[in-house]
Amino acid sequence: MKRLKLVPLAHLMLLVLLFSGVALADRDAEIRDLKLEKEKLNSEIQKLNRQIASTDSMLKADDSRYKTLSQRYKADTERRRAEIDSLNSKIKAVAGELQTERNKQARAKNRSDNVAAKRKALRAELAGISKKLEAQVAETLPWERESRLDRVKSLTRDIESGNASEEEGFSRLKSLIAEETKFGDEVAIINSPLTRKNGELINASILRIGNQWMVYSDENGTVFGTLVRKVENGKVSYEWNEDLNLEERAAVRLAIEVKQAKKPPQIVNLPVSLSVVGGEK
């Protein structure tokens, strides 16, 4: 009876041992798996540590680079601010110089405008004087009057058109006035054909004493005349008065012969009646 009871117990023990062996084998396998997992984790931890170390190194490098860049940026900013301040100073100085130059130009323009206005007024004054001289020449003795009048008219045109500067216009006007003044002072004689009052053409010696006397005598000394100035309706004209008395004829003959050197130099008394403005007889 007791033997029969031990047999199952042995079996039971054997079964326990079998199961224990299997359990131990599974435990060893699990332990190996855990070790492998641990090694794998350690490897990953080391990898992560290396990555962290590398990241730290990169962060340190970035931090150093950032500090360097910050210092450069600060230095560059300060340099640029200094340059900007310098440029602003230069711009301000140039602006001041430009404004000064503009003021100078404005003053120069004002002076130029004043000069131009004065020159314009001077041209107008010169043109006015030239026209007055033109009118006077047109009413003076008919002695080369057309050529004298053409010179004055030419000057008037040049002044009004601007072809003659103010200096040139003044110089020419002064010269023409001097010529007309000389014309009023000189004594001249010419031998020239002359148309008498009755239309007869004769060869005559014509004597002009300034702008006061203009007389003639024919080549035979038989016909005499004196120029008379007439004003009709405000218009001046000249014509010969050939109705002279003996005293006037003698005075005309003597004056012409003295000028022609046919008589010795002497003072000749010309009657007032022979004056250009003496009136017609």
C-alpha atoms as a PDB file:
ATOM      1  CA  MET A   1       0.000   0.000   0.000  1.00  0.00           C
ATOM      2  CA  LYS A   2       2.760   2.438   0.944  1.00  0.00           C
ATOM      3  CA  ARG A   3       4.745   1.607  -2.218  1.00  0.00           C
ATOM      4  CA  LEU A   4       1.760   2.304  -4.372  1.00  0.00           C
ATOM      5  CA  LYS A   5       1.507   5.785  -2.773  1.00  0.00           C
ATOM      6  CA  LEU A   6       5.218   6.651  -3.373  1.00  0.00           C
ATOM      7  CA  VAL A   7       5.065   6.074  -7.048  1.00  0.00           C
ATOM      8  CA  PRO A   8       2.738   8.976  -7.764  1.00  0.00           C
ATOM      9  CA  LEU A   9       4.826  11.160  -5.477  1.00  0.00           C
ATOM     10  CA  ALA A  10       7.914  10.362  -7.514  1.00  0.00           C
ATOM     11  CA  HIS A  11       6.097  11.192 -10.613  1.00  0.00           C
ATOM     12  CA  LEU A  12       4.966  14.339  -9.045  1.00  0.00           C
ATOM     13  CA  MET A  13       8.503  15.254  -8.119  1.00  0.00           C
ATOM     14  CA  LEU A  14       9.682  14.407 -11.574  1.00  0.00           C
ATOM     15  CA  LEU A  15       7.005  16.561 -13.047  1.00  0.00           C
ATOM     16  CA  VAL A  16       8.013  19.342 -10.697  1.00  0.00           C
ATOM     17  CA  LEU A  17      11.614  19.021 -11.696  1.00  0.00           C
ATOM     18  CA  LEU A  18      10.652  18.978 -15.339  1.00  0.00           C
ATOM     19  CA  PHE A  19       8.570  22.049 -14.964  1.00  0.00           C
ATOM     20  CA  SER A  20      11.294  23.707 -12.903  1.00  0.00           C
ATOM     21  CA  GLY A  21      13.835  23.032 -15.636  1.00  0.00           C
ATOM     22  CA  VAL A  22      11.578  24.452 -18.227  1.00  0.00           C
ATOM     23  CA  ALA A  23      10.947  27.493 -16.050  1.00  0.00           C
ATOM     24  CA  LEU A  24      14.636  27.972 -15.439  1.00  0.00           C
ATOM     25  CA  ALA A  25      15.322  27.692 -19.154  1.00  0.00           C
ATOM     26  CA  ASP A  26      12.678  30.353 -19.868  1.00  0.00           C
ATOM     27  CA  ARG A  27      14.137  32.527 -17.124  1.00  0.00           C
ATOM     28  CA  ASP A  28      17.617  32.260 -18.656  1.00  0.00           C
ATOM     29  CA  ALA A  29      16.244  33.163 -22.035  1.00  0.00           C
ATOM     30  CA  GLU A  30      14.418  36.116 -20.553  1.00  0.00           C
ATOM     31  CA  ILE A  31      17.560  37.158 -18.706  1.00  0.00           C
ATOM     32  CA  ARG A  32      19.532  36.978 -21.958  1.00  0.00           C
ATOM     33  CA  ASP A  33      16.870  38.981 -23.700  1.00  0.00           C
ATOM     34  CA  LEU A  34      16.957  41.539 -20.947  1.00  0.00           C
ATOM     35  CA  LYS A  35      20.744  41.708 -21.131  1.00  0.00           C
ATOM     36  CA  LEU A  36      20.556  42.165 -24.870  1.00  0.00           C
ATOM     37  CA  GLU A  37      17.891  44.811 -24.352  1.00  0.00           C
ATOM     38  CA  LYS A  38      20.111  46.431 -21.738  1.00  0.00           C
ATOM     39  CA  GLU A  39      23.093  46.428 -24.054  1.00  0.00           C
ATOM     40  CA  LYS A  40      20.897  47.833 -26.792  1.00  0.00           C
ATOM     41  CA  LEU A  41      19.647  50.502 -24.398  1.00  0.00           C
ATOM     42  CA  ASN A  42      23.189  51.250 -23.239  1.00  0.00           C
ATOM     43  CA  SER A  43      24.242  51.554 -26.874  1.00  0.00           C
ATOM     44  CA  GLU A  44      21.366  53.911 -27.547  1.00  0.00           C
ATOM     45  CA  ILE A  45      22.190  55.834 -24.367  1.00  0.00           C
ATOM     46  CA  GLN A  46      25.807  56.166 -25.483  1.00  0.00           C
ATOM     47  CA  LYS A  47      24.608  57.238 -28.913  1.00  0.00           C
ATOM     48  CA  LEU A  48      22.299  59.735 -27.298  1.00  0.00           C
ATOM     49  CA  ASN A  49      25.120  60.929 -25.052  1.00  0.00           C
ATOM     50  CA  ARG A  50      27.318  61.398 -28.098  1.00  0.00           C
ATOM     51  CA  GLN A  51      24.518  63.283 -29.824  1.00  0.00           C
ATOM     52  CA  ILE A  52      24.004  65.355 -26.721  1.00  0.00           C
ATOM     53  CA  ALA A  53      27.730  66.026 -26.493  1.00  0.00           C
ATOM     54  CA  SER A  54      27.761  66.927 -30.184  1.00  0.00           C
ATOM     55  CA  THR A  55      24.710  69.127 -29.701  1.00  0.00           C
ATOM     56  CA  ASP A  56      26.353  70.758 -26.700  1.00  0.00           C
ATOM     57  CA  SER A  57      29.459  71.352 -28.781  1.00  0.00           C
ATOM     58  CA  MET A  58      27.340  72.796 -31.554  1.00  0.00           C
ATOM     59  CA  LEU A  59      25.465  74.923 -29.051  1.00  0.00           C
ATOM     60  CA  LYS A  60      28.753  76.152 -27.636  1.00  0.00           C
ATOM     61  CA  ALA A  61      29.989  76.861 -31.155  1.00  0.00           C
ATOM     62  CA  ASP A  62      26.724  78.587 -31.970  1.00  0.00           C
ATOM     63  CA  ASP A  63      26.921  80.551 -28.765  1.00  0.00           C
ATOM     64  CA  SER A  64      30.489  81.542 -29.557  1.00  0.00           C
ATOM     65  CA  ARG A  65      29.468  82.395 -33.115  1.00  0.00           C
ATOM     66  CA  TYR A  66      26.500  84.350 -31.790  1.00  0.00           C
ATOM     67  CA  LYS A  67      28.725  86.273 -29.417  1.00  0.00           C
ATOM     68  CA  THR A  68      31.197  86.922 -32.235  1.00  0.00           C
ATOM     69  CA  LEU A  69      28.408  87.997 -34.567  1.00  0.00           C
ATOM     70  CA  SER A  70      26.874  90.124 -31.820  1.00  0.00           C
ATOM     71  CA  GLN A  71      30.213  91.819 -31.223  1.00  0.00           C
ATOM     72  CA  ARG A  72      30.669  92.308 -34.955  1.00  0.00           C
ATOM     73  CA  TYR A  73      27.119  93.600 -35.277  1.00  0.00           C
ATOM     74  CA  LYS A  74      27.659  95.987 -32.387  1.00  0.00           C
ATOM     75  CA  ALA A  75      30.980  97.167 -33.793  1.00  0.00           C
ATOM     76  CA  ASP A  76      29.482  97.447 -37.298  1.00  0.00           C
ATOM     77  CA  THR A  77      26.460  99.319 -35.915  1.00  0.00           C
ATOM     78  CA  GLU A  78      28.682 101.740 -34.057  1.00  0.00           C
ATOM     79  CA  ARG A  79      30.856 102.171 -37.135  1.00  0.00           C
ATOM     80  CA  ARG A  80      27.839 102.739 -39.337  1.00  0.00           C
ATOM     81  CA  ARG A  81      26.366 105.190 -36.849  1.00  0.00           C
ATOM     82  CA  ALA A  82      29.658 107.044 -36.860  1.00  0.00           C
ATOM     83  CA  GLU A  83      29.656 106.999 -40.662  1.00  0.00           C
ATOM     84  CA  ILE A  84      26.028 108.154 -40.733  1.00  0.00           C
ATOM     85  CA  ASP A  85      26.840 110.963 -38.294  1.00  0.00           C
ATOM     86  CA  SER A  86      29.808 111.909 -40.458  1.00  0.00           C
ATOM     87  CA  LEU A  87      27.652 111.774 -43.596  1.00  0.00           C
ATOM     88  CA  ASN A  88      24.960 113.840 -41.901  1.00  0.00           C
ATOM     89  CA  SER A  89      27.577 116.420 -40.987  1.00  0.00           C
ATOM     90  CA  LYS A  90      28.891 116.417 -44.536  1.00  0.00           C
ATOM     91  CA  ILE A  91      25.351 116.628 -45.946  1.00  0.00           C
ATOM     92  CA  LYS A  92      24.611 119.508 -43.621  1.00  0.00           C
ATOM     93  CA  ALA A  93      27.819 121.240 -44.666  1.00  0.00           C
ATOM     94  CA  VAL A  94      27.128 120.615 -48.362  1.00  0.00           C
ATOM     95  CA  ALA A  95      23.539 121.799 -47.902  1.00  0.00           C
ATOM     96  CA  GLY A  96      24.862 124.972 -46.305  1.00  0.00           C
ATOM     97  CA  GLU A  97      27.325 125.462 -49.149  1.00  0.00           C
ATOM     98  CA  LEU A  98      24.565 124.744 -51.667  1.00  0.00           C
ATOM     99  CA  GLN A  99      22.269 127.267 -50.010  1.00  0.00           C
ATOM    100  CA  THR A 100      25.102 129.795 -49.978  1.00  0.00           C
ATOM    101  CA  GLU A 101      25.716 129.128 -53.669  1.00  0.00           C
ATOM    102  CA  ARG A 102      22.001 129.456 -54.389  1.00  0.00           C
ATOM    103  CA  ASN A 103      21.974 132.761 -52.546  1.00  0.00           C
ATOM    104  CA  LYS A 104      24.975 133.884 -54.573  1.00  0.00           C
ATOM    105  CA  GLN A 105      23.280 132.788 -57.779  1.00  0.00           C
ATOM    106  CA  ALA A 106      20.081 134.560 -56.750  1.00  0.00           C
ATOM    107  CA  ARG A 107      22.034 137.741 -56.016  1.00  0.00           C
ATOM    108  CA  ALA A 108      23.941 137.338 -59.270  1.00  0.00           C
ATOM    109  CA  LYS A 109      20.661 136.835 -61.131  1.00  0.00           C
ATOM    110  CA  ASN A 110      19.217 139.912 -59.473  1.00  0.00           C
ATOM    111  CA  ARG A 111      22.295 141.890 -60.449  1.00  0.00           C
ATOM    112  CA  SER A 112      22.085 140.433 -63.953  1.00  0.00           C
ATOM    113  CA  ASP A 113      18.397 141.302 -64.158  1.00  0.00           C
ATOM    114  CA  ASN A 114      19.143 144.803 -62.905  1.00  0.00           C
ATOM    115  CA  VAL A 115      21.926 145.175 -65.449  1.00  0.00           C
ATOM    116  CA  ALA A 116      19.647 143.817 -68.189  1.00  0.00           C
ATOM    117  CA  ALA A 117      16.887 146.233 -67.148  1.00  0.00           C
ATOM    118  CA  LYS A 118      19.333 149.134 -67.077  1.00  0.00           C
ATOM    119  CA  ARG A 119      20.732 148.125 -70.459  1.00  0.00           C
ATOM    120  CA  LYS A 120      17.211 147.859 -71.845  1.00  0.00           C
ATOM    121  CA  ALA A 121      16.388 151.310 -70.493  1.00  0.00           C
ATOM    122  CA  LEU A 122      19.695 152.610 -71.872  1.00  0.00           C
ATOM    123  CA  ARG A 123      18.926 151.128 -75.305  1.00  0.00           C
ATOM    124  CA  ALA A 124      15.532 152.793 -75.246  1.00  0.00           C
ATOM    125  CA  GLU A 125      17.136 156.101 -74.255  1.00  0.00           C
ATOM    126  CA  LEU A 126      19.802 155.791 -76.936  1.00  0.00           C
ATOM    127  CA  ALA A 127      17.168 154.887 -79.526  1.00  0.00           C
ATOM    128  CA  GLY A 128      15.138 157.923 -78.452  1.00  0.00           C
ATOM    129  CA  ILE A 129      18.140 160.233 -78.762  1.00  0.00           C
ATOM    130  CA  SER A 130      19.011 158.690 -82.138  1.00  0.00           C
ATOM    131  CA  LYS A 131      15.446 159.296 -83.372  1.00  0.00           C
ATOM    132  CA  LYS A 132      15.616 162.905 -82.205  1.00  0.00           C
ATOM    133  CA  LEU A 133      18.935 163.302 -84.015  1.00  0.00           C
ATOM    134  CA  GLU A 134      17.360 161.653 -87.044  1.00  0.00           C
ATOM    135  CA  ALA A 135      14.530 164.195 -86.978  1.00  0.00           C
ATOM    136  CA  GLN A 136      17.003 167.062 -86.614  1.00  0.00           C
ATOM    137  CA  VAL A 137      19.182 165.838 -89.470  1.00  0.00           C
ATOM    138  CA  ALA A 138      16.097 165.482 -91.651  1.00  0.00           C
ATOM    139  CA  GLU A 139      15.408 169.184 -91.068  1.00  0.00           C
ATOM    140  CA  THR A 140      18.950 170.487 -91.494  1.00  0.00           C
ATOM    141  CA  LEU A 141      20.554 171.923 -94.611  1.00  0.00           C
ATOM    142  CA  PRO A 142      20.378 169.742 -97.743  1.00  0.00           C
ATOM    143  CA  TRP A 143      24.135 169.167 -97.741  1.00  0.00           C
ATOM    144  CA  GLU A 144      24.895 165.466 -98.082  1.00  0.00           C
ATOM    145  CA  ARG A 145      21.735 165.129 -96.039  1.00  0.00           C
ATOM    146  CA  GLU A 146      20.719 161.720 -97.368  1.00  0.00           C
ATOM    147  CA  SER A 147      24.013 160.055 -96.455  1.00  0.00           C
ATOM    148  CA  ARG A 148      24.003 161.728 -93.028  1.00  0.00           C
ATOM    149  CA  LEU A 149      20.407 160.700 -92.462  1.00  0.00           C
ATOM    150  CA  ASP A 150      21.117 157.106 -93.552  1.00  0.00           C
ATOM    151  CA  ARG A 151      23.880 156.805 -90.946  1.00  0.00           C
ATOM    152  CA  VAL A 152      21.575 157.973 -88.176  1.00  0.00           C
ATOM    153  CA  LYS A 153      18.699 155.727 -89.317  1.00  0.00           C
ATOM    154  CA  SER A 154      21.083 152.758 -89.489  1.00  0.00           C
ATOM    155  CA  LEU A 155      22.157 153.426 -85.905  1.00  0.00           C
ATOM    156  CA  THR A 156      18.521 153.648 -84.768  1.00  0.00           C
ATOM    157  CA  ARG A 157      17.712 150.298 -86.405  1.00  0.00           C
ATOM    158  CA  ASP A 158      20.767 148.597 -84.910  1.00  0.00           C
ATOM    159  CA  ILE A 159      19.973 149.862 -81.407  1.00  0.00           C
ATOM    160  CA  GLU A 160      16.295 148.860 -81.573  1.00  0.00           C
ATOM    161  CA  SER A 161      17.056 145.416 -83.034  1.00  0.00           C
ATOM    162  CA  GLY A 162      19.885 144.733 -80.589  1.00  0.00           C
ATOM    163  CA  ASN A 163      22.474 144.357 -83.363  1.00  0.00           C
ATOM    164  CA  ALA A 164      24.476 147.101 -81.682  1.00  0.00           C
ATOM    165  CA  SER A 165      25.382 146.805 -78.018  1.00  0.00           C
ATOM    166  CA  GLU A 166      24.769 149.700 -75.672  1.00  0.00           C
ATOM    167  CA  GLU A 167      28.471 150.553 -75.715  1.00  0.00           C
ATOM    168  CA  GLU A 168      28.603 150.467 -79.508  1.00  0.00           C
ATOM    169  CA  GLY A 169      25.364 152.438 -79.800  1.00  0.00           C
ATOM    170  CA  PHE A 170      26.652 155.096 -77.409  1.00  0.00           C
ATOM    171  CA  SER A 171      29.978 155.317 -79.252  1.00  0.00           C
ATOM    172  CA  ARG A 172      28.334 155.592 -82.665  1.00  0.00           C
ATOM    173  CA  LEU A 173      25.777 158.101 -81.397  1.00  0.00           C
ATOM    174  CA  LYS A 174      28.549 160.175 -79.868  1.00  0.00           C
ATOM    175  CA  SER A 175      30.426 160.063 -83.190  1.00  0.00           C
ATOM    176  CA  LEU A 176      27.332 161.127 -85.164  1.00  0.00           C
ATOM    177  CA  ILE A 177      26.612 163.977 -82.769  1.00  0.00           C
ATOM    178  CA  ALA A 178      30.241 165.055 -83.095  1.00  0.00           C
ATOM    179  CA  GLU A 179      29.871 164.961 -86.887  1.00  0.00           C
ATOM    180  CA  GLU A 180      26.704 167.045 -86.757  1.00  0.00           C
ATOM    181  CA  THR A 181      28.378 169.460 -84.345  1.00  0.00           C
ATOM    182  CA  LYS A 182      31.298 169.731 -86.752  1.00  0.00           C
ATOM    183  CA  PHE A 183      28.817 170.179 -89.592  1.00  0.00           C
ATOM    184  CA  GLY A 184      27.357 173.162 -87.732  1.00  0.00           C
ATOM    185  CA  ASP A 185      30.805 174.712 -87.225  1.00  0.00           C
ATOM    186  CA  GLU A 186      32.726 174.097 -90.452  1.00  0.00           C
ATOM    187  CA  VAL A 187      32.973 176.204 -93.599  1.00  0.00           C
ATOM    188  CA  ALA A 188      32.876 174.222 -96.838  1.00  0.00           C
ATOM    189  CA  ILE A 189      32.569 174.927-100.529  1.00  0.00           C
ATOM    190  CA  ILE A 190      31.899 172.661-103.498  1.00  0.00           C
ATOM    191  CA  ASN A 191      31.580 173.141-107.233  1.00  0.00           C
ATOM    192  CA  SER A 192      28.506 171.226-108.310  1.00  0.00           C
ATOM    193  CA  PRO A 193      25.584 171.341-110.724  1.00  0.00           C
ATOM    194  CA  LEU A 194      22.664 173.150-109.135  1.00  0.00           C
ATOM    195  CA  THR A 195      19.006 173.471-110.086  1.00  0.00           C
ATOM    196  CA  ARG A 196      17.789 177.026-109.729  1.00  0.00           C
ATOM    197  CA  LYS A 197      14.430 177.989-108.381  1.00  0.00           C
ATOM    198  CA  ASN A 198      13.076 178.313-111.928  1.00  0.00           C
ATOM    199  CA  GLY A 199      14.283 174.808-112.775  1.00  0.00           C
ATOM    200  CA  GLU A 200      17.389 175.891-114.761  1.00  0.00           C
ATOM    201  CA  LEU A 201      20.471 173.697-114.257  1.00  0.00           C
ATOM    202  CA  ILE A 202      23.725 175.620-113.826  1.00  0.00           C
ATOM    203  CA  ASN A 203      27.304 175.009-112.679  1.00  0.00           C
ATOM    204  CA  ALA A 204      27.685 176.747-109.338  1.00  0.00           C
ATOM    205  CA  SER A 205      30.044 177.270-106.436  1.00  0.00           C
ATOM    206  CA  ILE A 206      28.111 176.512-103.282  1.00  0.00           C
ATOM    207  CA  LEU A 207      29.379 177.877 -99.965  1.00  0.00           C
ATOM    208  CA  ARG A 208      28.148 176.619 -96.606  1.00  0.00           C
ATOM    209  CA  ILE A 209      29.052 178.284 -93.358  1.00  0.00           C
ATOM    210  CA  GLY A 210      27.979 175.948 -90.591  1.00  0.00           C
ATOM    211  CA  ASN A 211      24.224 175.579 -90.574  1.00  0.00           C
ATOM    212  CA  GLN A 212      23.614 179.320 -90.718  1.00  0.00           C
ATOM    213  CA  TRP A 213      24.467 180.300 -94.298  1.00  0.00           C
ATOM    214  CA  MET A 214      24.330 178.461 -97.568  1.00  0.00           C
ATOM    215  CA  VAL A 215      24.814 180.580-100.692  1.00  0.00           C
ATOM    216  CA  TYR A 216      25.861 180.052-104.295  1.00  0.00           C
ATOM    217  CA  SER A 217      27.165 181.851-107.328  1.00  0.00           C
ATOM    218  CA  ASP A 218      27.183 180.603-110.904  1.00  0.00           C
ATOM    219  CA  GLU A 219      30.462 180.102-112.753  1.00  0.00           C
ATOM    220  CA  ASN A 220      30.093 183.470-114.484  1.00  0.00           C
ATOM    221  CA  GLY A 221      29.398 185.386-111.298  1.00  0.00           C
ATOM    222  CA  THR A 222      26.118 186.695-112.598  1.00  0.00           C
ATOM    223  CA  VAL A 223      23.572 184.635-110.693  1.00  0.00           C
ATOM    224  CA  PHE A 224      23.497 184.491-106.898  1.00  0.00           C
ATOM    225  CA  GLY A 225      21.274 182.803-104.406  1.00  0.00           C
ATOM    226  CA  THR A 226      20.879 182.106-100.734  1.00  0.00           C
ATOM    227  CA  LEU A 227      19.116 179.144 -99.133  1.00  0.00           C
ATOM    228  CA  VAL A 228      16.035 179.984 -97.093  1.00  0.00           C
ATOM    229  CA  ARG A 229      14.371 177.745 -94.501  1.00  0.00           C
ATOM    230  CA  LYS A 230      10.568 177.593 -94.593  1.00  0.00           C
ATOM    231  CA  VAL A 231       8.119 175.923 -92.238  1.00  0.00           C
ATOM    232  CA  GLU A 232       4.663 175.055 -93.529  1.00  0.00           C
ATOM    233  CA  ASN A 233       2.212 172.997 -91.471  1.00  0.00           C
ATOM    234  CA  GLY A 234       5.051 171.916 -89.201  1.00  0.00           C
ATOM    235  CA  LYS A 235       7.114 170.634 -92.139  1.00  0.00           C
ATOM    236  CA  VAL A 236      10.518 172.140 -92.879  1.00  0.00           C
ATOM    237  CA  SER A 237      11.603 172.794 -96.451  1.00  0.00           C
ATOM    238  CA  TYR A 238      14.383 174.778 -98.160  1.00  0.00           C
ATOM    239  CA  GLU A 239      14.437 176.799-101.330  1.00  0.00           C
ATOM    240  CA  TRP A 240      16.761 179.268-103.057  1.00  0.00           C
ATOM    241  CA  ASN A 241      16.154 182.979-102.803  1.00  0.00           C
ATOM    242  CA  GLU A 242      17.727 184.536-105.917  1.00  0.00           C
ATOM    243  CA  ASP A 243      16.290 188.059-105.473  1.00  0.00           C
ATOM    244  CA  LEU A 244      19.311 189.597-103.745  1.00  0.00           C
ATOM    245  CA  ASN A 245      20.280 193.267-103.602  1.00  0.00           C
ATOM    246  CA  LEU A 246      23.691 194.577-104.598  1.00  0.00           C
ATOM    247  CA  GLU A 247      25.090 194.457-101.041  1.00  0.00           C
ATOM    248  CA  GLU A 248      24.018 190.853-100.603  1.00  0.00           C
ATOM    249  CA  ARG A 249      25.423 189.839-104.017  1.00  0.00           C
ATOM    250  CA  ALA A 250      28.751 191.494-103.220  1.00  0.00           C
ATOM    251  CA  ALA A 251      28.915 189.764 -99.840  1.00  0.00           C
ATOM    252  CA  VAL A 252      28.183 186.379-101.436  1.00  0.00           C
ATOM    253  CA  ARG A 253      30.798 186.912-104.156  1.00  0.00           C
ATOM    254  CA  LEU A 254      33.448 188.048-101.653  1.00  0.00           C
ATOM    255  CA  ALA A 255      32.795 185.115 -99.303  1.00  0.00           C
ATOM    256  CA  ILE A 256      33.057 182.566-102.131  1.00  0.00           C
ATOM    257  CA  GLU A 257      36.237 184.118-103.537  1.00  0.00           C
ATOM    258  CA  VAL A 258      37.906 184.229-100.107  1.00  0.00           C
ATOM    259  CA  LYS A 259      37.083 180.539 -99.545  1.00  0.00           C
ATOM    260  CA  GLN A 260      38.379 179.719-103.039  1.00  0.00           C
ATOM    261  CA  ALA A 261      41.580 181.647-102.209  1.00  0.00           C
ATOM    262  CA  LYS A 262      40.894 184.064-105.037  1.00  0.00           C
ATOM    263  CA  LYS A 263      40.978 186.793-102.407  1.00  0.00           C
ATOM    264  CA  PRO A 264      43.352 187.088 -99.445  1.00  0.00           C
ATOM    265  CA  PRO A 265      42.083 185.742 -96.100  1.00  0.00           C
ATOM    266  CA  GLN A 266      39.888 188.278 -94.441  1.00  0.00           C
ATOM    267  CA  ILE A 267      36.776 188.679 -92.367  1.00  0.00           C
ATOM    268  CA  VAL A 268      33.667 188.859 -94.511  1.00  0.00           C
ATOM    269  CA  ASN A 269      30.568 190.518 -93.133  1.00  0.00           C
ATOM    270  CA  LEU A 270      27.532 188.616 -94.337  1.00  0.00           C
ATOM    271  CA  PRO A 271      24.208 190.404 -93.930  1.00  0.00           C
ATOM    272  CA  VAL A 272      21.721 188.814 -91.565  1.00  0.00           C
ATOM    273  CA  SER A 273      19.299 188.682 -94.470  1.00  0.00           C
ATOM    274  CA  LEU A 274      21.496 185.953 -96.041  1.00  0.00           C
ATOM    275  CA  SER A 275      21.007 183.664 -93.063  1.00  0.00           C
ATOM    276  CA  VAL A 276      19.197 180.398 -93.653  1.00  0.00           C
ATOM    277  CA  VAL A 277      16.568 181.511 -91.166  1.00  0.00           C
ATOM    278  CA  GLY A 278      16.564 185.092 -92.406  1.00  0.00           C
ATOM    279  CA  GLY A 279      13.415 184.652 -94.395  1.00  0.00           C
ATOM    280  CA  GLU A 280      12.509 184.726 -98.058  1.00  0.00           C
ATOM    281  CA  LYS A 281      12.527 188.007-100.037  1.00  0.00           C
END
